[in-house]
PDB file of all heavy atoms in Angstrom:
ATOM      1  N   VAL A   1      -7.666   8.336   5.699  1.00  0.00           N
ATOM      2  CA  VAL A   1      -8.627   7.430   6.320  1.00  0.00           C
ATOM      3  C   VAL A   1      -8.952   6.311   5.339  1.00  0.00           C
ATOM      4  O   VAL A   1      -9.239   6.568   4.160  1.00  0.00           O
ATOM      5  CB  VAL A   1      -9.923   8.172   6.733  1.00  0.00           C
ATOM      6  CG1 VAL A   1     -10.948   7.172   7.278  1.00  0.00           C
ATOM      7  CG2 VAL A   1      -9.624   9.243   7.771  1.00  0.00           C
ATOM      8  N   PHE A   2      -8.872   5.078   5.828  1.00  0.00           N
ATOM      9  CA  PHE A   2      -9.233   3.887   5.055  1.00  0.00           C
ATOM     10  C   PHE A   2     -10.142   3.006   5.902  1.00  0.00           C
ATOM     11  O   PHE A   2     -10.130   3.087   7.137  1.00  0.00           O
ATOM     12  CB  PHE A   2      -7.994   3.036   4.724  1.00  0.00           C
ATOM     13  CG  PHE A   2      -6.896   3.701   3.962  1.00  0.00           C
ATOM     14  CD1 PHE A   2      -5.889   4.398   4.628  1.00  0.00           C
ATOM     15  CD2 PHE A   2      -6.827   3.594   2.588  1.00  0.00           C
ATOM     16  CE1 PHE A   2      -4.844   4.979   3.936  1.00  0.00           C
ATOM     17  CE2 PHE A   2      -5.780   4.173   1.875  1.00  0.00           C
ATOM     18  CZ  PHE A   2      -4.793   4.874   2.558  1.00  0.00           C
ATOM     19  N   THR A   3     -10.882   2.112   5.242  1.00  0.00           N
ATOM     20  CA  THR A   3     -11.371   0.949   5.974  1.00  0.00           C
ATOM     21  C   THR A   3     -10.180   0.009   6.132  1.00  0.00           C
ATOM     22  O   THR A   3      -9.316  -0.072   5.241  1.00  0.00           O
ATOM     23  CB  THR A   3     -12.501   0.217   5.225  1.00  0.00           C
ATOM     24  OG1 THR A   3     -11.997  -0.295   3.982  1.00  0.00           O
ATOM     25  CG2 THR A   3     -13.678   1.157   4.961  1.00  0.00           C
ATOM     26  N   TRP A   4     -10.107  -0.683   7.257  1.00  0.00           N
ATOM     27  CA  TRP A   4      -8.964  -1.559   7.478  1.00  0.00           C
ATOM     28  C   TRP A   4      -8.952  -2.695   6.461  1.00  0.00           C
ATOM     29  O   TRP A   4      -7.889  -3.095   5.974  1.00  0.00           O
ATOM     30  CB  TRP A   4      -8.973  -2.102   8.892  1.00  0.00           C
ATOM     31  CG  TRP A   4      -7.920  -3.147   9.141  1.00  0.00           C
ATOM     32  CD1 TRP A   4      -8.089  -4.411   9.610  1.00  0.00           C
ATOM     33  CD2 TRP A   4      -6.510  -2.991   8.919  1.00  0.00           C
ATOM     34  NE1 TRP A   4      -6.878  -5.061   9.688  1.00  0.00           N
ATOM     35  CE2 TRP A   4      -5.887  -4.213   9.268  1.00  0.00           C
ATOM     36  CE3 TRP A   4      -5.709  -1.953   8.437  1.00  0.00           C
ATOM     37  CZ2 TRP A   4      -4.518  -4.422   9.161  1.00  0.00           C
ATOM     38  CZ3 TRP A   4      -4.332  -2.156   8.330  1.00  0.00           C
ATOM     39  CH2 TRP A   4      -3.756  -3.382   8.687  1.00  0.00           C
ATOM     40  N   GLU A   5     -10.100  -3.193   6.092  1.00  0.00           N
ATOM     41  CA  GLU A   5     -10.158  -4.287   5.118  1.00  0.00           C
ATOM     42  C   GLU A   5      -9.535  -3.876   3.788  1.00  0.00           C
ATOM     43  O   GLU A   5      -8.737  -4.616   3.200  1.00  0.00           O
ATOM     44  CB  GLU A   5     -11.618  -4.711   4.904  1.00  0.00           C
ATOM     45  CG  GLU A   5     -11.791  -5.865   3.932  1.00  0.00           C
ATOM     46  CD  GLU A   5     -13.250  -6.233   3.717  1.00  0.00           C
ATOM     47  OE1 GLU A   5     -14.133  -5.467   4.169  1.00  0.00           O
ATOM     48  OE2 GLU A   5     -13.509  -7.287   3.108  1.00  0.00           O
ATOM     49  N   PHE A   6      -9.865  -2.667   3.313  1.00  0.00           N
ATOM     50  CA  PHE A   6      -9.310  -2.196   2.038  1.00  0.00           C
ATOM     51  C   PHE A   6      -7.809  -1.959   2.149  1.00  0.00           C
ATOM     52  O   PHE A   6      -7.027  -2.402   1.305  1.00  0.00           O
ATOM     53  CB  PHE A   6     -10.020  -0.911   1.613  1.00  0.00           C
ATOM     54  CG  PHE A   6      -9.440  -0.274   0.377  1.00  0.00           C
ATOM     55  CD1 PHE A   6      -9.855  -0.667  -0.877  1.00  0.00           C
ATOM     56  CD2 PHE A   6      -8.457   0.724   0.477  1.00  0.00           C
ATOM     57  CE1 PHE A   6      -9.310  -0.095  -2.027  1.00  0.00           C
ATOM     58  CE2 PHE A   6      -7.908   1.300  -0.657  1.00  0.00           C
ATOM     59  CZ  PHE A   6      -8.334   0.889  -1.915  1.00  0.00           C
ATOM     60  N   LEU A   7      -7.383  -1.254   3.210  1.00  0.00           N
ATOM     61  CA  LEU A   7      -5.968  -0.940   3.338  1.00  0.00           C
ATOM     62  C   LEU A   7      -5.137  -2.201   3.511  1.00  0.00           C
ATOM     63  O   LEU A   7      -4.030  -2.306   2.967  1.00  0.00           O
ATOM     64  CB  LEU A   7      -5.751  -0.001   4.531  1.00  0.00           C
ATOM     65  CG  LEU A   7      -4.290   0.387   4.797  1.00  0.00           C
ATOM     66  CD1 LEU A   7      -3.677   1.093   3.587  1.00  0.00           C
ATOM     67  CD2 LEU A   7      -4.168   1.254   6.044  1.00  0.00           C
ATOM     68  N   ARG A   8      -5.646  -3.163   4.226  1.00  0.00           N
ATOM     69  CA  ARG A   8      -4.896  -4.403   4.472  1.00  0.00           C
ATOM     70  C   ARG A   8      -4.499  -5.069   3.163  1.00  0.00           C
ATOM     71  O   ARG A   8      -3.356  -5.530   3.002  1.00  0.00           O
ATOM     72  CB  ARG A   8      -5.734  -5.345   5.334  1.00  0.00           C
ATOM     73  CG  ARG A   8      -4.983  -6.532   5.903  1.00  0.00           C
ATOM     74  CD  ARG A   8      -5.912  -7.418   6.717  1.00  0.00           C
ATOM     75  NE  ARG A   8      -5.174  -8.395   7.496  1.00  0.00           N
ATOM     76  CZ  ARG A   8      -4.671  -9.530   6.996  1.00  0.00           C
ATOM     77  NH1 ARG A   8      -4.844  -9.829   5.709  1.00  0.00           N
ATOM     78  NH2 ARG A   8      -3.995 -10.354   7.785  1.00  0.00           N
ATOM     79  N   GLU A   9      -5.433  -5.124   2.209  1.00  0.00           N
ATOM     80  CA  GLU A   9      -5.136  -5.732   0.910  1.00  0.00           C
ATOM     81  C   GLU A   9      -4.050  -4.955   0.176  1.00  0.00           C
ATOM     82  O   GLU A   9      -3.142  -5.530  -0.431  1.00  0.00           O
ATOM     83  CB  GLU A   9      -6.403  -5.802   0.064  1.00  0.00           C
ATOM     84  CG  GLU A   9      -7.460  -6.760   0.607  1.00  0.00           C
ATOM     85  CD  GLU A   9      -8.708  -6.766  -0.261  1.00  0.00           C
ATOM     86  OE1 GLU A   9      -8.681  -6.106  -1.329  1.00  0.00           O
ATOM     87  OE2 GLU A   9      -9.693  -7.421   0.124  1.00  0.00           O
ATOM     88  N   ARG A  10      -4.152  -3.616   0.228  1.00  0.00           N
ATOM     89  CA  ARG A  10      -3.150  -2.789  -0.465  1.00  0.00           C
ATOM     90  C   ARG A  10      -1.766  -2.947   0.177  1.00  0.00           C
ATOM     91  O   ARG A  10      -0.745  -2.926  -0.512  1.00  0.00           O
ATOM     92  CB  ARG A  10      -3.553  -1.304  -0.415  1.00  0.00           C
ATOM     93  CG  ARG A  10      -4.924  -0.977  -0.963  1.00  0.00           C
ATOM     94  CD  ARG A  10      -5.011  -1.073  -2.483  1.00  0.00           C
ATOM     95  NE  ARG A  10      -5.290  -2.414  -2.936  1.00  0.00           N
ATOM     96  CZ  ARG A  10      -6.477  -3.023  -2.819  1.00  0.00           C
ATOM     97  NH1 ARG A  10      -7.499  -2.420  -2.218  1.00  0.00           N
ATOM     98  NH2 ARG A  10      -6.664  -4.231  -3.287  1.00  0.00           N
ATOM     99  N   LEU A  11      -1.723  -3.093   1.489  1.00  0.00           N
ATOM    100  CA  LEU A  11      -0.446  -3.251   2.187  1.00  0.00           C
ATOM    101  C   LEU A  11       0.242  -4.553   1.783  1.00  0.00           C
ATOM    102  O   LEU A  11       1.461  -4.581   1.564  1.00  0.00           O
ATOM    103  CB  LEU A  11      -0.658  -3.233   3.700  1.00  0.00           C
ATOM    104  CG  LEU A  11      -1.155  -1.919   4.320  1.00  0.00           C
ATOM    105  CD1 LEU A  11      -1.449  -2.116   5.798  1.00  0.00           C
ATOM    106  CD2 LEU A  11      -0.147  -0.796   4.118  1.00  0.00           C
ATOM    107  N   LEU A  12      -0.522  -5.627   1.684  1.00  0.00           N
ATOM    108  CA  LEU A  12       0.053  -6.917   1.291  1.00  0.00           C
ATOM    109  C   LEU A  12       0.595  -6.851  -0.135  1.00  0.00           C
ATOM    110  O   LEU A  12       1.653  -7.420  -0.436  1.00  0.00           O
ATOM    111  CB  LEU A  12      -0.999  -8.015   1.419  1.00  0.00           C
ATOM    112  CG  LEU A  12      -1.431  -8.354   2.856  1.00  0.00           C
ATOM    113  CD1 LEU A  12      -2.598  -9.327   2.851  1.00  0.00           C
ATOM    114  CD2 LEU A  12      -0.255  -8.919   3.658  1.00  0.00           C
ATOM    115  N   GLU A  13      -0.110  -6.139  -1.001  1.00  0.00           N
ATOM    116  CA  GLU A  13       0.379  -5.961  -2.374  1.00  0.00           C
ATOM    117  C   GLU A  13       1.688  -5.178  -2.383  1.00  0.00           C
ATOM    118  O   GLU A  13       2.628  -5.495  -3.118  1.00  0.00           O
ATOM    119  CB  GLU A  13      -0.675  -5.240  -3.218  1.00  0.00           C
ATOM    120  CG  GLU A  13      -1.940  -6.043  -3.464  1.00  0.00           C
ATOM    121  CD  GLU A  13      -3.022  -5.220  -4.147  1.00  0.00           C
ATOM    122  OE1 GLU A  13      -2.756  -4.027  -4.451  1.00  0.00           O
ATOM    123  OE2 GLU A  13      -4.128  -5.749  -4.376  1.00  0.00           O
ATOM    124  N   ASP A  14       1.757  -4.136  -1.539  1.00  0.00           N
ATOM    125  CA  ASP A  14       2.948  -3.287  -1.522  1.00  0.00           C
ATOM    126  C   ASP A  14       4.162  -4.030  -0.974  1.00  0.00           C
ATOM    127  O   ASP A  14       5.290  -3.806  -1.429  1.00  0.00           O
ATOM    128  CB  ASP A  14       2.677  -2.036  -0.681  1.00  0.00           C
ATOM    129  CG  ASP A  14       3.822  -1.042  -0.717  1.00  0.00           C
ATOM    130  OD1 ASP A  14       3.889  -0.252  -1.667  1.00  0.00           O
ATOM    131  OD2 ASP A  14       4.663  -1.081   0.215  1.00  0.00           O
ATOM    132  N   LEU A  15       3.961  -4.902  -0.004  1.00  0.00           N
ATOM    133  CA  LEU A  15       5.077  -5.657   0.568  1.00  0.00           C
ATOM    134  C   LEU A  15       5.819  -6.458  -0.490  1.00  0.00           C
ATOM    135  O   LEU A  15       7.045  -6.615  -0.438  1.00  0.00           O
ATOM    136  CB  LEU A  15       4.575  -6.599   1.667  1.00  0.00           C
ATOM    137  CG  LEU A  15       4.384  -6.031   3.063  1.00  0.00           C
ATOM    138  CD1 LEU A  15       3.729  -7.064   3.970  1.00  0.00           C
ATOM    139  CD2 LEU A  15       5.723  -5.588   3.662  1.00  0.00           C
ATOM    140  N   ASP A  16       5.092  -6.961  -1.478  1.00  0.00           N
ATOM    141  CA  ASP A  16       5.687  -7.808  -2.511  1.00  0.00           C
ATOM    142  C   ASP A  16       6.111  -7.035  -3.749  1.00  0.00           C
ATOM    143  O   ASP A  16       6.606  -7.632  -4.713  1.00  0.00           O
ATOM    144  CB  ASP A  16       4.690  -8.898  -2.921  1.00  0.00           C
ATOM    145  CG  ASP A  16       4.359  -9.844  -1.780  1.00  0.00           C
ATOM    146  OD1 ASP A  16       5.237 -10.042  -0.912  1.00  0.00           O
ATOM    147  OD2 ASP A  16       3.231 -10.369  -1.741  1.00  0.00           O
ATOM    148  N   ASN A  17       5.922  -5.724  -3.739  1.00  0.00           N
ATOM    149  CA  ASN A  17       6.223  -4.907  -4.913  1.00  0.00           C
ATOM    150  C   ASN A  17       7.625  -4.314  -4.769  1.00  0.00           C
ATOM    151  O   ASN A  17       7.837  -3.344  -4.049  1.00  0.00           O
ATOM    152  CB  ASN A  17       5.185  -3.792  -5.055  1.00  0.00           C
ATOM    153  CG  ASN A  17       5.382  -2.977  -6.323  1.00  0.00           C
ATOM    154  OD1 ASN A  17       6.337  -3.186  -7.077  1.00  0.00           O
ATOM    155  ND2 ASN A  17       4.481  -2.032  -6.554  1.00  0.00           N
ATOM    156  N   GLU A  18       8.604  -4.888  -5.457  1.00  0.00           N
ATOM    157  CA  GLU A  18       9.989  -4.427  -5.342  1.00  0.00           C
ATOM    158  C   GLU A  18      10.194  -3.059  -5.976  1.00  0.00           C
ATOM    159  O   GLU A  18      11.162  -2.359  -5.658  1.00  0.00           O
ATOM    160  CB  GLU A  18      10.930  -5.440  -5.988  1.00  0.00           C
ATOM    161  CG  GLU A  18      10.954  -6.791  -5.279  1.00  0.00           C
ATOM    162  CD  GLU A  18      11.948  -7.752  -5.907  1.00  0.00           C
ATOM    163  OE1 GLU A  18      12.593  -7.351  -6.915  1.00  0.00           O
ATOM    164  OE2 GLU A  18      12.080  -8.885  -5.402  1.00  0.00           O
ATOM    165  N   ALA A  19       9.287  -2.631  -6.862  1.00  0.00           N
ATOM    166  CA  ALA A  19       9.419  -1.325  -7.512  1.00  0.00           C
ATOM    167  C   ALA A  19       8.866  -0.195  -6.654  1.00  0.00           C
ATOM    168  O   ALA A  19       9.072   0.983  -6.963  1.00  0.00           O
ATOM    169  CB  ALA A  19       8.707  -1.343  -8.863  1.00  0.00           C
ATOM    170  N   SER A  20       8.180  -0.539  -5.572  1.00  0.00           N
ATOM    171  CA  SER A  20       7.550   0.479  -4.734  1.00  0.00           C
ATOM    172  C   SER A  20       8.564   1.138  -3.810  1.00  0.00           C
ATOM    173  O   SER A  20       9.509   0.491  -3.336  1.00  0.00           O
ATOM    174  CB  SER A  20       6.429  -0.143  -3.894  1.00  0.00           C
ATOM    175  OG  SER A  20       5.903   0.789  -2.974  1.00  0.00           O
ATOM    176  N   SER A  21       8.357   2.431  -3.539  1.00  0.00           N
ATOM    177  CA  SER A  21       9.163   3.110  -2.511  1.00  0.00           C
ATOM    178  C   SER A  21       8.497   3.010  -1.147  1.00  0.00           C
ATOM    179  O   SER A  21       8.984   3.582  -0.175  1.00  0.00           O
ATOM    180  CB  SER A  21       9.374   4.582  -2.886  1.00  0.00           C
ATOM    181  OG  SER A  21       8.141   5.284  -2.907  1.00  0.00           O
ATOM    182  N   HIS A  22       7.349   2.318  -1.091  1.00  0.00           N
ATOM    183  CA  HIS A  22       6.643   2.013   0.161  1.00  0.00           C
ATOM    184  C   HIS A  22       6.222   3.290   0.891  1.00  0.00           C
ATOM    185  O   HIS A  22       6.368   3.406   2.110  1.00  0.00           O
ATOM    186  CB  HIS A  22       7.496   1.117   1.069  1.00  0.00           C
ATOM    187  CG  HIS A  22       8.076  -0.067   0.370  1.00  0.00           C
ATOM    188  ND1 HIS A  22       7.300  -1.119  -0.046  1.00  0.00           N
ATOM    189  CD2 HIS A  22       9.350  -0.340  -0.016  1.00  0.00           C
ATOM    190  CE1 HIS A  22       8.070  -2.026  -0.656  1.00  0.00           C
ATOM    191  NE2 HIS A  22       9.321  -1.563  -0.645  1.00  0.00           N
ATOM    192  N   ASP A  23       5.703   4.238   0.135  1.00  0.00           N
ATOM    193  CA  ASP A  23       5.320   5.533   0.695  1.00  0.00           C
ATOM    194  C   ASP A  23       3.886   5.862   0.276  1.00  0.00           C
ATOM    195  O   ASP A  23       3.512   5.641  -0.880  1.00  0.00           O
ATOM    196  CB  ASP A  23       6.278   6.618   0.198  1.00  0.00           C
ATOM    197  CG  ASP A  23       6.021   7.966   0.825  1.00  0.00           C
ATOM    198  OD1 ASP A  23       6.497   8.203   1.948  1.00  0.00           O
ATOM    199  OD2 ASP A  23       5.320   8.791   0.198  1.00  0.00           O
ATOM    200  N   PHE A  24       3.099   6.376   1.213  1.00  0.00           N
ATOM    201  CA  PHE A  24       1.714   6.723   0.882  1.00  0.00           C
ATOM    202  C   PHE A  24       1.648   7.793  -0.204  1.00  0.00           C
ATOM    203  O   PHE A  24       0.921   7.655  -1.183  1.00  0.00           O
ATOM    204  CB  PHE A  24       0.971   7.207   2.137  1.00  0.00           C
ATOM    205  CG  PHE A  24       0.507   6.106   3.034  1.00  0.00           C
ATOM    206  CD1 PHE A  24       1.170   5.835   4.229  1.00  0.00           C
ATOM    207  CD2 PHE A  24      -0.591   5.325   2.706  1.00  0.00           C
ATOM    208  CE1 PHE A  24       0.752   4.816   5.063  1.00  0.00           C
ATOM    209  CE2 PHE A  24      -1.022   4.296   3.530  1.00  0.00           C
ATOM    210  CZ  PHE A  24      -0.345   4.038   4.714  1.00  0.00           C
ATOM    211  N   GLY A  25       2.399   8.872  -0.037  1.00  0.00           N
ATOM    212  CA  GLY A  25       2.320   9.978  -0.980  1.00  0.00           C
ATOM    213  C   GLY A  25       2.883   9.667  -2.352  1.00  0.00           C
ATOM    214  O   GLY A  25       2.365  10.142  -3.365  1.00  0.00           O
ATOM    215  N   ASN A  26       3.927   8.845  -2.396  1.00  0.00           N
ATOM    216  CA  ASN A  26       4.577   8.545  -3.676  1.00  0.00           C
ATOM    217  C   ASN A  26       3.924   7.397  -4.425  1.00  0.00           C
ATOM    218  O   ASN A  26       3.939   7.376  -5.661  1.00  0.00           O
ATOM    219  CB  ASN A  26       6.057   8.203  -3.452  1.00  0.00           C
ATOM    220  CG  ASN A  26       6.870   9.408  -3.059  1.00  0.00           C
ATOM    221  OD1 ASN A  26       6.501  10.543  -3.344  1.00  0.00           O
ATOM    222  ND2 ASN A  26       7.989   9.171  -2.384  1.00  0.00           N
ATOM    223  N   ASP A  27       3.382   6.417  -3.703  1.00  0.00           N
ATOM    224  CA  ASP A  27       2.932   5.183  -4.342  1.00  0.00           C
ATOM    225  C   ASP A  27       1.438   4.921  -4.180  1.00  0.00           C
ATOM    226  O   ASP A  27       0.684   4.918  -5.155  1.00  0.00           O
ATOM    227  CB  ASP A  27       3.726   3.987  -3.775  1.00  0.00           C
ATOM    228  CG  ASP A  27       5.223   4.160  -3.946  1.00  0.00           C
ATOM    229  OD1 ASP A  27       5.681   4.197  -5.087  1.00  0.00           O
ATOM    230  OD2 ASP A  27       5.914   4.274  -2.918  1.00  0.00           O
ATOM    231  N   MET A  28       1.003   4.722  -2.930  1.00  0.00           N
ATOM    232  CA  MET A  28      -0.341   4.206  -2.719  1.00  0.00           C
ATOM    233  C   MET A  28      -1.431   5.201  -3.086  1.00  0.00           C
ATOM    234  O   MET A  28      -2.395   4.858  -3.792  1.00  0.00           O
ATOM    235  CB  MET A  28      -0.520   3.736  -1.270  1.00  0.00           C
ATOM    236  CG  MET A  28      -1.875   3.075  -1.028  1.00  0.00           C
ATOM    237  SD  MET A  28      -2.063   2.379   0.620  1.00  0.00           S
ATOM    238  CE  MET A  28      -0.929   0.989   0.540  1.00  0.00           C
ATOM    239  N   ILE A  29      -1.320   6.439  -2.627  1.00  0.00           N
ATOM    240  CA  ILE A  29      -2.395   7.412  -2.887  1.00  0.00           C
ATOM    241  C   ILE A  29      -2.535   7.698  -4.385  1.00  0.00           C
ATOM    242  O   ILE A  29      -3.660   7.661  -4.916  1.00  0.00           O
ATOM    243  CB  ILE A  29      -2.177   8.701  -2.079  1.00  0.00           C
ATOM    244  CG1 ILE A  29      -2.098   8.387  -0.579  1.00  0.00           C
ATOM    245  CG2 ILE A  29      -3.307   9.702  -2.362  1.00  0.00           C
ATOM    246  CD1 ILE A  29      -3.298   7.654  -0.021  1.00  0.00           C
TER     247      ILE A  29
END
């Protein structure tokens, strides 16, 4: 569970992160 405002910022950061595997469990959490 996130606030949409907080998650939205994190999603935009992840889109531009070439080192990310783009996964909640591996990266964002």
